[in-house]
């Protein structure tokens, strides 16, 4: 079984984290998100994968190559300009000779792909769309279905309180190749807005596969933090995460931990981290490799990338910090902040809640 992964987007909602890398390669507990996604596909018997590229393609190709290190076969298809979800798959049509999965490249999920494929085949569907429940469907594309599971209509971002259901398009499809006849070549086109409504108007067999399995879109800083909290707390799973750290969150062979430092898990610490005297790390927190938490500093429920240094008595909570940043002595970073790569926060500075700092900035 083949799959197409849509990872060509610029990840604008995640900026400044995606200024220097693509959304699919941001680290999730210290491994690129796309590697987690490939592990998920492989665990469901999908190991022949086409990756659609557009923004910063070298970030993915350089890391993953032909996919052998991840136990899959990868082929890459380039978009010169963004083609949308359906246009990107049309661009990969030469690789597709049977039914195939399509997945948005920013979804962490435990949806049963084998079960979804069986459902699709039993109903002889031309397209099957995974659905997931959300608390506020007004922010998404709602899918209304008939009792037999056929899709009746699509409602894009209905007003609050007016959605007929809270089940939304989960961004995972099983498609037959003939679906692509509805997609013009080389022209931006979306499954949600163009292809699926066209199929419905023709009376084609378009079915919904509702599920309450774990599902999250990692495309905002808040959701990006949340998926890592969920992994650390055991609320979701990844083939790349189990057993990576001890139950207390610290692998003593990989880090330097002062006897007076406090680590309150769950915490993932990358190789080469140093936690100095009196420093505190409060989980769920992730530190990338080579980070230094200086004397008396506090890192609380924060996602930190590689080679970040926190100065003496600096503190940060519920934030995200990109690569190679320096946080000065006594600085305070309030909740919801996002720092891009190579940011320097000078001694004694305070960042207000939800502040975003672009790469290579000094404050």
Protein backbone atom coordinates (compact mmCIF):
# COMPACT_ATOMS: atom_id res chain seq x y z
CA UNK A 1 0.00 0.00 0.00
CA UNK A 2 1.24 3.47 -0.89
CA UNK A 3 0.77 6.84 0.74
CA UNK A 4 1.25 10.45 -0.31
CA UNK A 5 2.45 12.83 2.41
CA UNK A 6 1.64 16.50 1.86
CA UNK A 7 4.54 18.41 3.41
CA UNK A 8 5.09 21.29 0.99
CA UNK A 9 3.54 24.05 3.08
CA UNK A 10 5.47 26.93 4.62
CA UNK A 11 4.14 26.34 8.14
CA UNK A 12 3.22 30.00 8.61
CA UNK A 13 1.18 29.32 11.76
CA UNK A 14 4.29 27.88 13.43
CA UNK A 15 6.58 30.79 12.68
CA UNK A 16 9.14 31.80 13.83
CA UNK A 17 9.98 28.10 14.37
CA UNK A 18 9.62 27.38 10.65
CA UNK A 19 11.69 30.26 9.32
CA UNK A 20 14.70 27.96 8.86
CA UNK A 21 13.05 24.56 8.57
CA UNK A 22 9.84 23.01 7.28
CA UNK A 23 6.97 22.15 9.61
CA UNK A 24 7.40 18.44 8.92
CA UNK A 25 10.94 18.53 10.35
CA UNK A 26 10.35 20.39 13.62
CA UNK A 27 11.47 18.18 16.50
CA UNK A 28 8.95 16.17 18.50
CA UNK A 29 10.69 14.82 21.63
CA UNK A 30 13.99 15.38 19.80
CA UNK A 31 13.14 13.55 16.57
CA UNK A 32 11.86 15.24 13.39
CA UNK A 33 8.08 15.05 13.22
CA UNK A 34 8.20 13.42 9.79
CA UNK A 35 10.15 10.49 11.23
CA UNK A 36 7.35 9.91 13.73
CA UNK A 37 4.87 10.00 10.84
CA UNK A 38 6.89 7.52 8.80
CA UNK A 39 7.07 5.20 11.81
CA UNK A 40 3.29 5.41 12.14
CA UNK A 41 2.78 4.52 8.48
CA UNK A 42 5.24 1.65 8.63
CA UNK A 43 3.45 0.21 11.68
CA UNK A 44 0.27 0.04 9.58
CA UNK A 45 1.93 -1.73 6.66
CA UNK A 46 2.47 1.38 4.52
CA UNK A 47 6.10 1.51 3.45
CA UNK A 48 6.00 2.95 -0.08
CA UNK A 49 5.63 6.70 0.37
CA UNK A 50 5.61 9.72 -1.93
CA UNK A 51 6.55 13.01 -0.28
CA UNK A 52 5.37 16.23 -1.93
CA UNK A 53 7.84 19.09 -1.47
CA UNK A 54 7.80 22.83 -2.07
CA UNK A 55 9.18 24.96 0.80
CA UNK A 56 12.82 24.26 1.83
CA UNK A 57 12.85 20.76 0.29
CA UNK A 58 16.51 20.18 1.11
CA UNK A 59 15.64 20.00 4.84
CA UNK A 60 13.75 16.77 4.21
CA UNK A 61 15.80 15.16 1.45
CA UNK A 62 19.10 15.72 3.26
CA UNK A 63 17.85 14.07 6.45
CA UNK A 64 15.74 11.20 5.09
CA UNK A 65 17.29 10.30 1.73
CA UNK A 66 15.63 7.23 0.24
CA UNK A 67 13.95 6.38 3.55
CA UNK A 68 15.94 3.22 4.23
CA UNK A 69 17.00 4.41 7.70
CA UNK A 70 13.30 4.71 8.60
CA UNK A 71 12.39 1.33 7.12
CA UNK A 72 10.43 2.76 4.18
CA UNK A 73 10.90 3.66 0.52
CA UNK A 74 10.64 7.37 -0.24
CA UNK A 75 10.09 9.15 -3.52
CA UNK A 76 10.02 12.94 -3.77
CA UNK A 77 7.88 15.13 -6.01
CA UNK A 78 8.59 18.84 -6.24
CA UNK A 79 6.05 21.65 -6.64
CA UNK A 80 7.47 24.80 -8.21
CA UNK A 81 4.55 26.73 -6.73
CA UNK A 82 2.01 25.54 -4.14
CA UNK A 83 -0.65 23.36 -5.79
CA UNK A 84 -2.99 22.69 -2.87
CA UNK A 85 -3.82 19.29 -1.41
CA UNK A 86 -5.30 17.77 -4.57
CA UNK A 87 -2.93 19.52 -6.97
CA UNK A 88 0.05 18.15 -5.07
CA UNK A 89 -1.28 14.58 -5.34
CA UNK A 90 -2.02 15.07 -9.04
CA UNK A 91 1.62 16.10 -9.42
CA UNK A 92 2.59 12.70 -7.95
CA UNK A 93 0.18 10.71 -10.17
CA UNK A 94 2.93 8.83 -12.01
CA UNK A 95 3.82 7.07 -8.72
CA UNK A 96 0.24 5.89 -8.05
CA UNK A 97 -1.09 2.72 -9.67
CA UNK A 98 -3.72 1.57 -7.17
CA UNK A 99 -5.61 2.76 -4.09
CA UNK A 100 -3.49 4.94 -1.84
CA UNK A 101 -3.55 6.95 1.38
CA UNK A 102 -3.18 10.72 1.49
CA UNK A 103 -2.11 12.37 4.74
CA UNK A 104 -1.63 15.99 5.65
CA UNK A 105 1.93 16.27 6.89
CA UNK A 106 1.09 18.02 10.16
CA UNK A 107 -1.12 15.39 11.82
CA UNK A 108 -0.12 13.24 14.78
CA UNK A 109 -2.63 10.43 15.15
CA UNK A 110 -3.28 6.82 16.12
CA UNK A 111 -6.09 6.30 13.58
CA UNK A 112 -6.21 2.66 12.47
CA UNK A 113 -5.17 2.82 8.82
CA UNK A 114 -5.63 -0.92 8.28
CA UNK A 115 -9.19 -0.64 9.57
CA UNK A 116 -9.80 2.39 7.39
CA UNK A 117 -8.59 0.56 4.29
CA UNK A 118 -10.82 -2.44 5.05
CA UNK A 119 -13.78 -0.09 5.51
CA UNK A 120 -12.99 1.55 2.15
CA UNK A 121 -12.81 -1.79 0.32
CA UNK A 122 -15.94 -3.24 1.92
CA UNK A 123 -17.99 -0.28 0.74
CA UNK A 124 -16.35 -0.15 -2.67
CA UNK A 125 -15.75 3.54 -2.11
CA UNK A 126 -13.97 5.81 -4.52
CA UNK A 127 -12.89 8.00 -1.60
CA UNK A 128 -12.95 7.51 2.17
CA UNK A 129 -12.36 10.42 4.53
CA UNK A 130 -11.28 9.97 8.15
CA UNK A 131 -13.32 12.06 10.59
CA UNK A 132 -12.41 13.12 14.11
CA UNK A 133 -14.42 14.97 16.78
CA UNK A 134 -13.44 18.44 18.02
CA UNK A 135 -14.84 20.71 20.69
CA UNK A 136 -15.28 23.70 18.38
CA UNK A 137 -16.19 22.59 14.84
CA UNK A 138 -16.69 26.20 13.72
CA UNK A 139 -12.93 26.44 13.16
CA UNK A 140 -12.81 23.47 10.77
CA UNK A 141 -14.40 21.79 7.79
CA UNK A 142 -17.39 19.80 9.07
CA UNK A 143 -18.50 16.63 7.27
CA UNK A 144 -22.17 15.61 7.45
CA UNK A 145 -22.92 11.94 6.80
CA UNK A 146 -25.90 9.66 6.18
CA UNK A 147 -26.68 6.70 8.49
CA UNK A 148 -24.81 4.32 6.14
CA UNK A 149 -21.65 6.43 6.34
CA UNK A 150 -21.95 8.13 2.96
CA UNK A 151 -20.87 11.74 2.93
CA UNK A 152 -23.82 14.09 2.39
CA UNK A 153 -22.13 17.48 2.35
CA UNK A 154 -19.18 19.56 3.46
CA UNK A 155 -19.66 22.66 5.60
CA UNK A 156 -16.63 24.92 5.85
CA UNK A 157 -16.24 26.68 9.22
CA UNK A 158 -19.92 26.84 10.23
CA UNK A 159 -20.97 29.63 12.64
CA UNK A 160 -20.74 28.71 16.32
CA UNK A 161 -23.66 26.56 17.42
CA UNK A 162 -24.86 25.86 13.89
CA UNK A 163 -22.75 22.83 12.92
CA UNK A 164 -24.87 19.67 12.44
CA UNK A 165 -22.02 17.57 13.89
CA UNK A 166 -18.68 17.99 15.62
CA UNK A 167 -16.98 15.52 13.26
CA UNK A 168 -14.42 17.19 11.03
CA UNK A 169 -12.18 16.21 8.14
CA UNK A 170 -9.08 14.69 9.76
CA UNK A 171 -6.86 15.19 6.70
CA UNK A 172 -6.44 11.46 6.04
CA UNK A 173 -7.96 9.82 2.95
CA UNK A 174 -8.06 6.54 1.07
CA UNK A 175 -8.48 7.26 -2.63
CA UNK A 176 -8.89 5.29 -5.81
CA UNK A 177 -6.73 6.55 -8.71
CA UNK A 178 -9.78 7.63 -10.74
CA UNK A 179 -10.39 10.42 -8.23
CA UNK A 180 -7.53 12.30 -9.85
CA UNK A 181 -9.50 12.75 -13.07
CA UNK A 182 -11.25 15.58 -11.22
CA UNK A 183 -7.97 17.40 -10.62
CA UNK A 184 -6.51 19.71 -13.29
CA UNK A 185 -2.79 19.25 -13.82
CA UNK A 186 -0.49 22.07 -12.74
CA UNK A 187 -3.30 24.13 -11.21
CA UNK A 188 -3.94 24.77 -7.50
CA UNK A 189 -6.78 22.51 -6.35
CA UNK A 190 -8.08 21.35 -2.97
CA UNK A 191 -9.74 18.04 -2.12
CA UNK A 192 -11.94 19.73 0.46
CA UNK A 193 -13.20 22.57 -1.71
CA UNK A 194 -13.17 21.14 -5.22
CA UNK A 195 -12.66 17.41 -5.64
CA UNK A 196 -14.90 15.91 -2.95
CA UNK A 197 -17.86 18.23 -3.70
CA UNK A 198 -17.52 17.33 -7.39
CA UNK A 199 -17.61 13.63 -6.58
CA UNK A 200 -20.70 14.13 -4.42
CA UNK A 201 -22.47 16.02 -7.22
CA UNK A 202 -21.80 13.01 -9.48
CA UNK A 203 -23.24 10.57 -6.93
CA UNK A 204 -19.89 8.85 -6.43
CA UNK A 205 -19.32 6.58 -3.43
CA UNK A 206 -17.64 8.93 -0.97
CA UNK A 207 -17.66 7.56 2.58
CA UNK A 208 -16.64 8.82 5.99
CA UNK A 209 -14.60 6.80 8.48
CA UNK A 210 -15.38 8.26 11.92
CA UNK A 211 -12.90 7.62 14.70
CA UNK A 212 -12.19 8.80 18.21
CA UNK A 213 -8.54 7.76 18.11
CA UNK A 214 -5.90 10.30 19.09
CA UNK A 215 -5.59 13.16 16.59
CA UNK A 216 -3.91 16.55 16.73
CA UNK A 217 -2.81 19.14 14.18
CA UNK A 218 0.67 20.27 15.27
CA UNK A 219 0.52 23.43 13.15
CA UNK A 220 0.33 26.05 15.94
CA UNK A 221 2.78 26.65 18.80
CA UNK A 222 0.11 25.65 21.31
CA UNK A 223 -0.65 22.35 19.57
CA UNK A 224 3.06 21.79 18.93
CA UNK A 225 3.68 21.94 22.68
CA UNK A 226 0.57 19.88 23.44
CA UNK A 227 1.52 16.88 21.30
CA UNK A 228 4.82 16.62 23.18
CA UNK A 229 3.10 16.96 26.52
CA UNK A 230 0.79 14.14 25.40
CA UNK A 231 3.68 11.90 24.42
CA UNK A 232 5.50 12.50 27.69
CA UNK A 233 2.35 11.95 29.73
CA UNK A 234 1.39 8.79 27.85
CA UNK A 235 -1.75 10.25 26.28
CA UNK A 236 -0.56 9.25 22.81
CA UNK A 237 2.12 6.97 21.40
CA UNK A 238 4.87 6.96 18.79
CA UNK A 239 7.03 4.12 17.53
CA UNK A 240 10.02 6.44 18.06
CA UNK A 241 9.34 7.40 21.65
CA UNK A 242 8.74 4.31 23.82
CA UNK A 243 11.71 3.54 26.08
CA UNK A 244 13.75 6.57 25.10
CA UNK A 245 14.10 7.74 28.72
CA UNK A 246 13.68 6.18 32.14
CA UNK A 247 10.42 6.54 34.03
CA UNK A 248 11.81 9.50 35.99
CA UNK A 249 12.69 11.24 32.72
CA UNK A 250 16.49 11.29 33.06
CA UNK A 251 19.01 9.08 31.27
CA UNK A 252 22.08 9.61 33.46
CA UNK A 253 24.44 8.27 30.82
CA UNK A 254 23.62 11.13 28.48
CA UNK A 255 23.43 14.17 30.76
CA UNK A 256 25.30 15.94 33.53
CA UNK A 257 23.02 16.50 36.51
CA UNK A 258 24.26 18.33 39.61
CA UNK A 259 23.24 16.61 42.88
CA UNK A 260 21.33 19.73 43.99
CA UNK A 261 19.42 20.11 40.70
CA UNK A 262 15.78 19.03 40.63
CA UNK A 263 14.16 17.22 37.71
CA UNK A 264 10.46 16.59 38.11
CA UNK A 265 9.26 14.44 35.20
CA UNK A 266 8.12 13.61 32.75
CA UNK A 267 11.13 15.14 31.02
CA UNK A 268 13.10 14.20 27.90
CA UNK A 269 16.73 15.29 27.99
CA UNK A 270 18.90 15.21 24.88
CA UNK A 271 22.47 13.97 24.84
CA UNK A 272 25.05 16.32 26.28
CA UNK A 273 22.65 18.39 28.41
CA UNK A 274 24.02 19.92 31.61
CA UNK A 275 21.81 20.84 34.56
CA UNK A 276 23.76 22.88 37.11
CA UNK A 277 23.46 23.44 40.86
CA UNK A 278 20.02 24.43 42.11
CA UNK A 279 18.47 24.41 38.62
CA UNK A 280 14.94 23.03 38.25
CA UNK A 281 13.31 21.31 35.30
CA UNK A 282 9.58 20.76 35.64
CA UNK A 283 7.75 18.46 33.25
CA UNK A 284 6.38 17.90 30.83
CA UNK A 285 9.50 19.45 29.30
CA UNK A 286 11.83 18.55 26.41
CA UNK A 287 15.46 19.66 26.14
CA UNK A 288 17.32 19.08 22.91
CA UNK A 289 20.94 17.95 22.81
CA UNK A 290 23.65 20.19 24.17
CA UNK A 291 21.47 22.44 26.34
CA UNK A 292 22.81 24.09 29.49
CA UNK A 293 20.57 25.00 32.42
CA UNK A 294 22.73 27.21 34.59
CA UNK A 295 22.74 27.55 38.36
CA UNK A 296 19.31 28.36 39.79
CA UNK A 297 17.53 28.51 36.42
CA UNK A 298 13.99 27.14 36.02
CA UNK A 299 12.59 25.49 32.87
CA UNK A 300 8.90 24.70 33.29
CA UNK A 301 6.67 22.86 30.77
CA UNK A 302 8.76 24.12 27.85
CA UNK A 303 10.01 22.67 24.56
CA UNK A 304 13.65 23.54 23.95
CA UNK A 305 15.57 22.70 20.77
CA UNK A 306 19.34 22.15 20.52
CA UNK A 307 22.28 24.00 22.05
CA UNK A 308 20.29 26.49 24.12
CA UNK A 309 21.85 28.08 27.19
CA UNK A 310 19.80 29.39 30.10
CA UNK A 311 21.76 31.78 32.32
CA UNK A 312 21.85 31.82 36.11
CA UNK A 313 18.40 32.22 37.70
CA UNK A 314 16.73 32.62 34.30
CA UNK A 315 13.19 31.23 34.12
CA UNK A 316 10.83 30.16 31.36
CA UNK A 317 7.41 28.52 31.33
CA UNK A 318 5.08 27.01 28.72
CA UNK A 319 7.12 28.27 25.76
CA UNK A 320 9.15 27.02 22.79
CA UNK A 321 12.80 27.89 22.11
CA UNK A 322 14.55 27.23 18.79
CA UNK A 323 18.16 26.19 18.13
CA UNK A 324 21.25 27.97 19.45
CA UNK A 325 19.53 30.54 21.65
CA UNK A 326 21.02 32.26 24.70
CA UNK A 327 18.86 33.36 27.62
CA UNK A 328 20.66 35.81 29.89
CA UNK A 329 21.09 35.64 33.65
CA UNK A 330 17.92 36.54 35.52
CA UNK A 331 15.77 36.80 32.39
CA UNK A 332 12.11 35.81 32.59
CA UNK A 333 10.13 34.37 29.67
CA UNK A 334 6.41 34.21 30.32
CA UNK A 335 3.98 31.56 29.07
CA UNK A 336 3.24 31.13 25.39
CA UNK A 337 6.41 32.73 24.04
CA UNK A 338 8.07 31.38 20.89
CA UNK A 339 11.73 32.07 20.11
CA UNK A 340 13.21 31.35 16.69
CA UNK A 341 16.77 30.16 16.09
CA UNK A 342 19.81 32.16 17.30
CA UNK A 343 17.86 34.51 19.56
CA UNK A 344 19.73 36.28 22.36
CA UNK A 345 17.84 37.53 25.41
CA UNK A 346 20.09 39.85 27.40
CA UNK A 347 20.58 39.72 31.15
CA UNK A 348 17.58 40.67 33.25
CA UNK A 349 15.07 41.00 30.39
CA UNK A 350 11.42 39.95 30.59
CA UNK A 351 9.31 38.69 27.69
CA UNK A 352 5.59 39.21 28.10
CA UNK A 353 3.19 36.27 27.52
CA UNK A 354 2.76 34.97 23.95
CA UNK A 355 5.57 37.10 22.54
CA UNK A 356 7.20 35.84 19.32
CA UNK A 357 10.86 36.58 18.59
CA UNK A 358 12.18 36.08 15.08
CA UNK A 359 15.52 34.35 14.36
CA UNK A 360 18.80 36.20 14.87
CA UNK A 361 17.18 38.81 17.12
CA UNK A 362 18.82 40.26 20.22
CA UNK A 363 16.65 41.68 22.99
